Protein backbone atom coordinates (compact mmCIF):
# COMPACT_ATOMS: atom_id res chain seq x y z
CA GLN A 1 183.50 226.18 7.80
CA VAL A 2 184.33 227.76 4.46
CA LEU A 3 186.19 225.50 2.04
CA LEU A 4 187.74 226.32 -1.32
CA VAL A 5 187.91 223.06 -3.22
CA GLU A 6 190.42 223.10 -6.06
CA SER A 7 190.97 220.64 -8.85
CA GLY A 8 192.72 220.32 -12.19
CA GLY A 9 196.44 220.60 -11.53
CA GLY A 10 198.98 218.16 -12.90
CA LEU A 11 201.94 217.58 -15.18
CA VAL A 12 201.90 218.76 -18.77
CA GLN A 13 204.42 219.38 -21.52
CA ALA A 14 205.21 222.87 -22.71
CA GLY A 15 202.53 224.06 -25.10
CA GLY A 16 199.89 221.95 -23.43
CA SER A 17 196.73 222.94 -21.56
CA LEU A 18 195.18 222.46 -18.16
CA ARG A 19 191.94 223.67 -16.60
CA LEU A 20 191.71 224.53 -12.93
CA SER A 21 188.46 224.87 -11.05
CA CYS A 22 187.65 226.10 -7.58
CA THR A 23 184.36 226.00 -5.71
CA VAL A 24 183.50 227.80 -2.50
CA SER A 25 181.43 225.73 -0.10
CA GLY A 26 180.29 225.86 3.50
CA ASP A 27 178.75 229.32 3.53
CA THR A 28 176.54 231.54 1.41
CA PHE A 29 178.31 234.86 1.93
CA THR A 30 178.70 237.19 -1.04
CA ILE A 31 181.95 236.58 -2.91
CA TYR A 32 183.22 239.97 -3.95
CA ASN A 33 186.32 238.76 -5.73
CA MET A 34 187.62 235.36 -6.72
CA GLY A 35 190.48 233.94 -8.68
CA TRP A 36 193.92 232.39 -8.63
CA TYR A 37 197.36 233.15 -7.29
CA ARG A 38 200.49 231.08 -7.78
CA GLN A 39 203.73 230.49 -5.96
CA ALA A 40 206.78 229.15 -7.74
CA PRO A 41 209.61 227.52 -5.76
CA GLY A 42 211.61 230.14 -3.90
CA LYS A 43 209.29 232.97 -4.93
CA GLU A 44 206.44 234.93 -3.41
CA ARG A 45 202.79 234.25 -4.09
CA ASP A 46 201.61 236.42 -6.98
CA VAL A 47 198.28 237.05 -8.64
CA VAL A 48 197.47 235.14 -11.80
CA ALA A 49 193.95 236.41 -12.44
CA THR A 50 190.97 237.54 -10.41
CA ILE A 51 187.45 238.58 -11.28
CA ASP A 52 185.14 240.66 -9.13
CA ILE A 53 181.40 240.44 -8.63
CA SER A 54 180.81 242.84 -11.52
CA GLY A 55 182.93 240.80 -13.89
CA ASN A 56 185.96 243.09 -13.85
CA LEU A 57 189.08 241.10 -14.60
CA VAL A 58 192.62 241.58 -13.38
CA GLU A 59 195.33 239.36 -14.76
CA ASP A 60 199.09 239.20 -14.75
CA ALA A 61 200.72 240.34 -17.99
CA SER A 62 202.58 237.06 -18.33
CA VAL A 63 199.36 235.09 -18.80
CA LYS A 64 197.42 237.44 -21.08
CA GLY A 65 196.36 235.71 -24.25
CA ARG A 66 197.09 232.28 -22.78
CA PHE A 67 194.96 231.98 -19.64
CA THR A 68 191.23 232.63 -19.37
CA LEU A 69 189.45 233.12 -16.07
CA SER A 70 185.71 232.67 -15.87
CA ARG A 71 183.25 232.72 -13.00
CA ASP A 72 179.96 230.98 -12.36
CA ASN A 73 178.29 232.92 -9.57
CA THR A 74 175.43 230.45 -9.24
CA ARG A 75 177.82 227.58 -8.62
CA ARG A 76 180.27 229.79 -6.67
CA THR A 77 183.01 228.48 -8.92
CA VAL A 78 185.85 229.91 -10.95
CA PHE A 79 187.63 228.24 -13.82
CA LEU A 80 191.11 228.97 -15.09
CA GLN A 81 191.73 227.67 -18.59
CA MET A 82 195.48 227.61 -19.17
CA ASN A 83 196.69 227.20 -22.74
CA ASN A 84 200.15 227.25 -24.28
CA LEU A 85 201.69 226.50 -20.91
CA LYS A 86 205.34 227.32 -20.38
CA PRO A 87 207.89 225.94 -17.91
CA ASP A 88 207.78 229.33 -16.14
CA ASP A 89 204.15 228.61 -15.29
CA THR A 90 205.27 225.81 -12.98
CA ALA A 91 203.97 226.64 -9.51
CA VAL A 92 201.45 225.79 -6.86
CA TYR A 93 198.21 227.52 -7.78
CA PHE A 94 196.01 228.78 -4.97
CA CYS A 95 192.35 229.63 -5.23
CA TYR A 96 191.35 232.91 -3.58
CA ALA A 97 188.02 234.36 -2.52
CA LEU A 98 187.19 237.69 -0.91
CA GLY A 99 184.14 237.77 1.31
CA PRO A 100 182.44 240.44 3.43
CA TYR A 101 184.45 242.68 5.75
CA GLY A 102 187.61 242.03 3.74
CA ARG A 103 187.90 238.43 4.78
CA GLN A 104 190.18 236.41 2.55
CA TYR A 105 189.86 232.71 1.96
CA TRP A 106 192.44 230.43 0.38
CA GLY A 107 192.48 226.95 -1.03
CA LYS A 108 195.18 224.45 -0.14
CA GLY A 109 196.79 224.73 -3.55
CA THR A 110 197.12 222.53 -6.59
CA ALA A 111 200.45 221.86 -8.27
CA VAL A 112 201.03 222.63 -11.93
CA THR A 113 204.24 221.35 -13.49
CA VAL A 114 205.18 222.19 -17.07
CA SER A 115 208.03 220.21 -18.55
CA HIS A 116 210.29 221.29 -21.42
C-alpha cells in the first residue's frame, strides 16, 4: 500500500513560516512528479507547487518568492518551505505524487492556518 506521509502544518501568524514535508512509502515505483496542492474552505483544490523527476518546477503565481519546493529523490520526500505566510494561504495542504501509468497518489492533508 502506497502512503504519502505529511507533516508540518499548524497555526502561524501572518508573516511567519512553516515547513511541510511529505514522504512516499510502501512502494519503490518511479515518482515522476511530486508536490503540493491546497484547498481553502469553499474552494477547489489548486496546485501550489510541483517538481518533476528532472527538477522542473511549476508553482502558483501567488506563492512565488515566498514558498520554496525542494525534492530529495533518495528519500522520496518533498519539502515546502513557506515564508511570509498570509491569511489567504490558509487551507488544507495535500501532498501529491505521480507514479507510472498516470497513477496519482494523495496524502490525507495537513491544515495550515494563518492568522491576522
